[in-house]
């Protein structure tokens, strides 16, 4: 998460209001798209593993 230095809003992007935002928490490399990708991959692996156990 970032905080806009101009308006003070908490945002998910590194820039807002035409200027760079300040990182306030989280990892810069782990954005929402990557979280969704990792979650989908993990769910797929888990489903495959459960399928292997039940067959």
PDB file of N, CA and C in Angstrom:
ATOM      1  N   UNK A   1       0.831  -1.176   0.000  1.00  0.00           N
ATOM      2  CA  UNK A   1       0.000   0.000   0.000  1.00  0.00           C
ATOM      3  C   UNK A   1       0.881   1.247   0.000  1.00  0.00           C
ATOM      4  N   UNK A   2       0.374   2.250  -0.634  1.00  0.00           N
ATOM      5  CA  UNK A   2       1.065   3.522  -0.732  1.00  0.00           C
ATOM      6  C   UNK A   2       0.168   4.637  -0.198  1.00  0.00           C
ATOM      7  N   UNK A   3       0.769   5.747   0.158  1.00  0.00           N
ATOM      8  CA  UNK A   3       0.018   6.930   0.566  1.00  0.00           C
ATOM      9  C   UNK A   3       0.441   8.070  -0.355  1.00  0.00           C
ATOM     10  N   UNK A   4      -0.556   8.706  -0.945  1.00  0.00           N
ATOM     11  CA  UNK A   4      -0.299   9.830  -1.834  1.00  0.00           C
ATOM     12  C   UNK A   4       0.253  10.997  -1.018  1.00  0.00           C
ATOM     13  N   UNK A   5       1.346  11.558  -1.486  1.00  0.00           N
ATOM     14  CA  UNK A   5       1.969  12.679  -0.785  1.00  0.00           C
ATOM     15  C   UNK A   5       1.208  13.987  -1.007  1.00  0.00           C
ATOM     16  N   UNK A   6       0.329  14.017  -2.007  1.00  0.00           N
ATOM     17  CA  UNK A   6      -0.416  15.238  -2.310  1.00  0.00           C
ATOM     18  C   UNK A   6      -1.746  15.273  -1.557  1.00  0.00           C
ATOM     19  N   UNK A   7      -2.570  14.197  -1.707  1.00  0.00           N
ATOM     20  CA  UNK A   7      -3.904  14.213  -1.120  1.00  0.00           C
ATOM     21  C   UNK A   7      -4.048  13.341   0.128  1.00  0.00           C
ATOM     22  N   UNK A   8      -3.047  12.482   0.417  1.00  0.00           N
ATOM     23  CA  UNK A   8      -3.085  11.661   1.622  1.00  0.00           C
ATOM     24  C   UNK A   8      -3.883  10.373   1.509  1.00  0.00           C
ATOM     25  N   UNK A   9      -4.419  10.062   0.339  1.00  0.00           N
ATOM     26  CA  UNK A   9      -5.198   8.833   0.147  1.00  0.00           C
ATOM     27  C   UNK A   9      -4.297   7.607   0.190  1.00  0.00           C
ATOM     28  N   UNK A  10      -4.806   6.494   0.750  1.00  0.00           N
ATOM     29  CA  UNK A  10      -4.089   5.221   0.672  1.00  0.00           C
ATOM     30  C   UNK A  10      -4.492   4.555  -0.630  1.00  0.00           C
ATOM     31  N   UNK A  11      -3.502   4.150  -1.397  1.00  0.00           N
ATOM     32  CA  UNK A  11      -3.709   3.619  -2.740  1.00  0.00           C
ATOM     33  C   UNK A  11      -2.848   2.385  -2.956  1.00  0.00           C
ATOM     34  N   UNK A  12      -3.080   1.680  -4.076  1.00  0.00           N
ATOM     35  CA  UNK A  12      -2.302   0.490  -4.407  1.00  0.00           C
ATOM     36  C   UNK A  12      -1.267   0.758  -5.496  1.00  0.00           C
ATOM     37  N   UNK A  13      -1.212   1.956  -6.002  1.00  0.00           N
ATOM     38  CA  UNK A  13      -0.273   2.291  -7.071  1.00  0.00           C
ATOM     39  C   UNK A  13       0.862   3.159  -6.532  1.00  0.00           C
ATOM     40  N   UNK A  14       1.989   3.137  -7.229  1.00  0.00           N
ATOM     41  CA  UNK A  14       3.172   3.865  -6.787  1.00  0.00           C
ATOM     42  C   UNK A  14       3.107   5.350  -7.133  1.00  0.00           C
ATOM     43  N   UNK A  15       2.104   5.775  -7.889  1.00  0.00           N
ATOM     44  CA  UNK A  15       1.968   7.186  -8.242  1.00  0.00           C
ATOM     45  C   UNK A  15       0.502   7.595  -8.154  1.00  0.00           C
ATOM     46  N   UNK A  16       0.258   8.838  -7.731  1.00  0.00           N
ATOM     47  CA  UNK A  16      -1.104   9.359  -7.598  1.00  0.00           C
ATOM     48  C   UNK A  16      -1.015  10.877  -7.629  1.00  0.00           C
ATOM     49  N   UNK A  17      -2.016  11.533  -8.137  1.00  0.00           N
ATOM     50  CA  UNK A  17      -2.052  13.005  -8.234  1.00  0.00           C
ATOM     51  C   UNK A  17      -0.835  13.564  -8.975  1.00  0.00           C
ATOM     52  N   UNK A  18      -0.306  12.789  -9.907  1.00  0.00           N
ATOM     53  CA  UNK A  18       0.808  13.258 -10.720  1.00  0.00           C
ATOM     54  C   UNK A  18       2.168  13.209 -10.054  1.00  0.00           C
ATOM     55  N   UNK A  19       2.277  12.570  -8.893  1.00  0.00           N
ATOM     56  CA  UNK A  19       3.587  12.471  -8.240  1.00  0.00           C
ATOM     57  C   UNK A  19       3.755  11.090  -7.604  1.00  0.00           C
ATOM     58  N   UNK A  20       4.977  10.790  -7.197  1.00  0.00           N
ATOM     59  CA  UNK A  20       5.271   9.500  -6.576  1.00  0.00           C
ATOM     60  C   UNK A  20       4.606   9.415  -5.201  1.00  0.00           C
ATOM     61  N   UNK A  21       4.129   8.224  -4.868  1.00  0.00           N
ATOM     62  CA  UNK A  21       3.505   7.991  -3.565  1.00  0.00           C
ATOM     63  C   UNK A  21       4.511   7.331  -2.630  1.00  0.00           C
ATOM     64  N   UNK A  22       4.252   7.431  -1.342  1.00  0.00           N
ATOM     65  CA  UNK A  22       5.133   6.861  -0.321  1.00  0.00           C
ATOM     66  C   UNK A  22       4.630   5.481   0.079  1.00  0.00           C
ATOM     67  N   UNK A  23       5.513   4.478   0.049  1.00  0.00           N
ATOM     68  CA  UNK A  23       5.124   3.128   0.461  1.00  0.00           C
ATOM     69  C   UNK A  23       4.951   3.100   1.974  1.00  0.00           C
ATOM     70  N   UNK A  24       3.789   2.587   2.428  1.00  0.00           N
ATOM     71  CA  UNK A  24       3.521   2.562   3.863  1.00  0.00           C
ATOM     72  C   UNK A  24       3.465   1.152   4.433  1.00  0.00           C
ATOM     73  N   UNK A  25       3.205   0.149   3.604  1.00  0.00           N
ATOM     74  CA  UNK A  25       3.233  -1.232   4.084  1.00  0.00           C
ATOM     75  C   UNK A  25       3.281  -2.191   2.897  1.00  0.00           C
ATOM     76  N   UNK A  26       3.650  -3.430   3.194  1.00  0.00           N
ATOM     77  CA  UNK A  26       3.714  -4.455   2.161  1.00  0.00           C
ATOM     78  C   UNK A  26       5.045  -4.457   1.436  1.00  0.00           C
ATOM     79  N   UNK A  27       5.103  -5.262   0.399  1.00  0.00           N
ATOM     80  CA  UNK A  27       6.300  -5.384  -0.428  1.00  0.00           C
ATOM     81  C   UNK A  27       6.030  -4.728  -1.776  1.00  0.00           C
ATOM     82  N   UNK A  28       6.954  -3.946  -2.263  1.00  0.00           N
ATOM     83  CA  UNK A  28       6.771  -3.246  -3.529  1.00  0.00           C
ATOM     84  C   UNK A  28       6.591  -4.222  -4.698  1.00  0.00           C
ATOM     85  N   UNK A  29       7.266  -5.372  -4.657  1.00  0.00           N
ATOM     86  CA  UNK A  29       7.199  -6.340  -5.753  1.00  0.00           C
ATOM     87  C   UNK A  29       5.928  -7.189  -5.707  1.00  0.00           C
ATOM     88  N   UNK A  30       5.200  -7.186  -4.590  1.00  0.00           N
ATOM     89  CA  UNK A  30       4.027  -8.043  -4.430  1.00  0.00           C
ATOM     90  C   UNK A  30       2.760  -7.209  -4.553  1.00  0.00           C
ATOM     91  N   UNK A  31       2.360  -6.944  -5.802  1.00  0.00           N
ATOM     92  CA  UNK A  31       1.152  -6.158  -6.020  1.00  0.00           C
ATOM     93  C   UNK A  31      -0.077  -7.069  -6.072  1.00  0.00           C
ATOM     94  N   UNK A  32      -1.240  -6.495  -6.243  1.00  0.00           N
ATOM     95  CA  UNK A  32      -2.487  -7.245  -6.220  1.00  0.00           C
ATOM     96  C   UNK A  32      -2.550  -8.301  -7.322  1.00  0.00           C
ATOM     97  N   UNK A  33      -2.040  -7.993  -8.500  1.00  0.00           N
ATOM     98  CA  UNK A  33      -2.052  -8.957  -9.596  1.00  0.00           C
ATOM     99  C   UNK A  33      -1.211 -10.194  -9.263  1.00  0.00           C
ATOM    100  N   UNK A  34      -0.083  -9.993  -8.646  1.00  0.00           N
ATOM    101  CA  UNK A  34       0.785 -11.121  -8.277  1.00  0.00           C
ATOM    102  C   UNK A  34       0.174 -11.941  -7.145  1.00  0.00           C
ATOM    103  N   UNK A  35      -0.508 -11.289  -6.216  1.00  0.00           N
ATOM    104  CA  UNK A  35      -1.209 -12.021  -5.151  1.00  0.00           C
ATOM    105  C   UNK A  35      -2.269 -12.912  -5.765  1.00  0.00           C
ATOM    106  N   UNK A  36      -3.038 -12.389  -6.717  1.00  0.00           N
ATOM    107  CA  UNK A  36      -4.069 -13.183  -7.384  1.00  0.00           C
ATOM    108  C   UNK A  36      -3.459 -14.358  -8.147  1.00  0.00           C
ATOM    109  N   UNK A  37      -2.349 -14.134  -8.825  1.00  0.00           N
ATOM    110  CA  UNK A  37      -1.682 -15.206  -9.558  1.00  0.00           C
ATOM    111  C   UNK A  37      -1.197 -16.293  -8.604  1.00  0.00           C
ATOM    112  N   UNK A  38      -0.528 -15.899  -7.529  1.00  0.00           N
ATOM    113  CA  UNK A  38      -0.032 -16.889  -6.564  1.00  0.00           C
ATOM    114  C   UNK A  38      -1.178 -17.666  -5.926  1.00  0.00           C
ATOM    115  N   UNK A  39      -2.270 -16.997  -5.623  1.00  0.00           N
ATOM    116  CA  UNK A  39      -3.426 -17.652  -5.033  1.00  0.00           C
ATOM    117  C   UNK A  39      -4.026 -18.679  -5.993  1.00  0.00           C
ATOM    118  N   UNK A  40      -4.145 -18.309  -7.262  1.00  0.00           N
ATOM    119  CA  UNK A  40      -4.684 -19.236  -8.262  1.00  0.00           C
ATOM    120  C   UNK A  40      -3.782 -20.445  -8.453  1.00  0.00           C
ATOM    121  N   UNK A  41      -2.478 -20.211  -8.513  1.00  0.00           N
ATOM    122  CA  UNK A  41      -1.543 -21.321  -8.664  1.00  0.00           C
ATOM    123  C   UNK A  41      -1.592 -22.258  -7.463  1.00  0.00           C
ATOM    124  N   UNK A  42      -1.630 -21.691  -6.272  1.00  0.00           N
ATOM    125  CA  UNK A  42      -1.684 -22.504  -5.068  1.00  0.00           C
ATOM    126  C   UNK A  42      -2.982 -23.309  -5.007  1.00  0.00           C
ATOM    127  N   UNK A  43      -4.103 -22.705  -5.366  1.00  0.00           N
ATOM    128  CA  UNK A  43      -5.384 -23.413  -5.370  1.00  0.00           C
ATOM    129  C   UNK A  43      -5.362 -24.556  -6.388  1.00  0.00           C
ATOM    130  N   UNK A  44      -4.754 -24.333  -7.550  1.00  0.00           N
ATOM    131  CA  UNK A  44      -4.647 -25.385  -8.559  1.00  0.00           C
ATOM    132  C   UNK A  44      -3.797 -26.547  -8.089  1.00  0.00           C
ATOM    133  N   UNK A  45      -2.676 -26.241  -7.463  1.00  0.00           N
ATOM    134  CA  UNK A  45      -1.801 -27.296  -6.939  1.00  0.00           C
ATOM    135  C   UNK A  45      -2.508 -28.065  -5.826  1.00  0.00           C
ATOM    136  N   UNK A  46      -3.207 -27.362  -4.958  1.00  0.00           N
ATOM    137  CA  UNK A  46      -3.950 -28.004  -3.878  1.00  0.00           C
ATOM    138  C   UNK A  46      -5.052 -28.911  -4.424  1.00  0.00           C
ATOM    139  N   UNK A  47      -5.791 -28.442  -5.425  1.00  0.00           N
ATOM    140  CA  UNK A  47      -6.846 -29.256  -6.039  1.00  0.00           C
ATOM    141  C   UNK A  47      -6.249 -30.501  -6.702  1.00  0.00           C
ATOM    142  N   UNK A  48      -5.123 -30.333  -7.389  1.00  0.00           N
ATOM    143  CA  UNK A  48      -4.465 -31.474  -8.017  1.00  0.00           C
ATOM    144  C   UNK A  48      -4.031 -32.482  -6.944  1.00  0.00           C
ATOM    145  N   UNK A  49      -3.452 -31.991  -5.842  1.00  0.00           N
ATOM    146  CA  UNK A  49      -3.010 -32.874  -4.773  1.00  0.00           C
ATOM    147  C   UNK A  49      -4.157 -33.633  -4.127  1.00  0.00           C
ATOM    148  N   UNK A  50      -5.251 -32.977  -3.890  1.00  0.00           N
ATOM    149  CA  UNK A  50      -6.431 -33.645  -3.326  1.00  0.00           C
ATOM    150  C   UNK A  50      -6.956 -34.684  -4.299  1.00  0.00           C
ATOM    151  N   UNK A  51      -6.948 -34.344  -5.586  1.00  0.00           N
ATOM    152  CA  UNK A  51      -7.383 -35.312  -6.599  1.00  0.00           C
ATOM    153  C   UNK A  51      -6.506 -36.540  -6.639  1.00  0.00           C
ATOM    154  N   UNK A  52      -5.213 -36.376  -6.444  1.00  0.00           N
ATOM    155  CA  UNK A  52      -4.295 -37.517  -6.440  1.00  0.00           C
ATOM    156  C   UNK A  52      -4.524 -38.422  -5.239  1.00  0.00           C
ATOM    157  N   UNK A  53      -4.855 -37.832  -4.100  1.00  0.00           N
ATOM    158  CA  UNK A  53      -5.090 -38.616  -2.887  1.00  0.00           C
ATOM    159  C   UNK A  53      -6.402 -39.404  -2.996  1.00  0.00           C
ATOM    160  N   UNK A  54      -7.421 -38.789  -3.577  1.00  0.00           N
ATOM    161  CA  UNK A  54      -8.727 -39.432  -3.654  1.00  0.00           C
ATOM    162  C   UNK A  54      -8.815 -40.492  -4.746  1.00  0.00           C
ATOM    163  N   UNK A  55      -7.927 -40.456  -5.707  1.00  0.00           N
ATOM    164  CA  UNK A  55      -7.982 -41.449  -6.803  1.00  0.00           C
ATOM    165  C   UNK A  55      -7.184 -42.627  -6.464  1.00  0.00           C
TER     166      UNK A  55
END
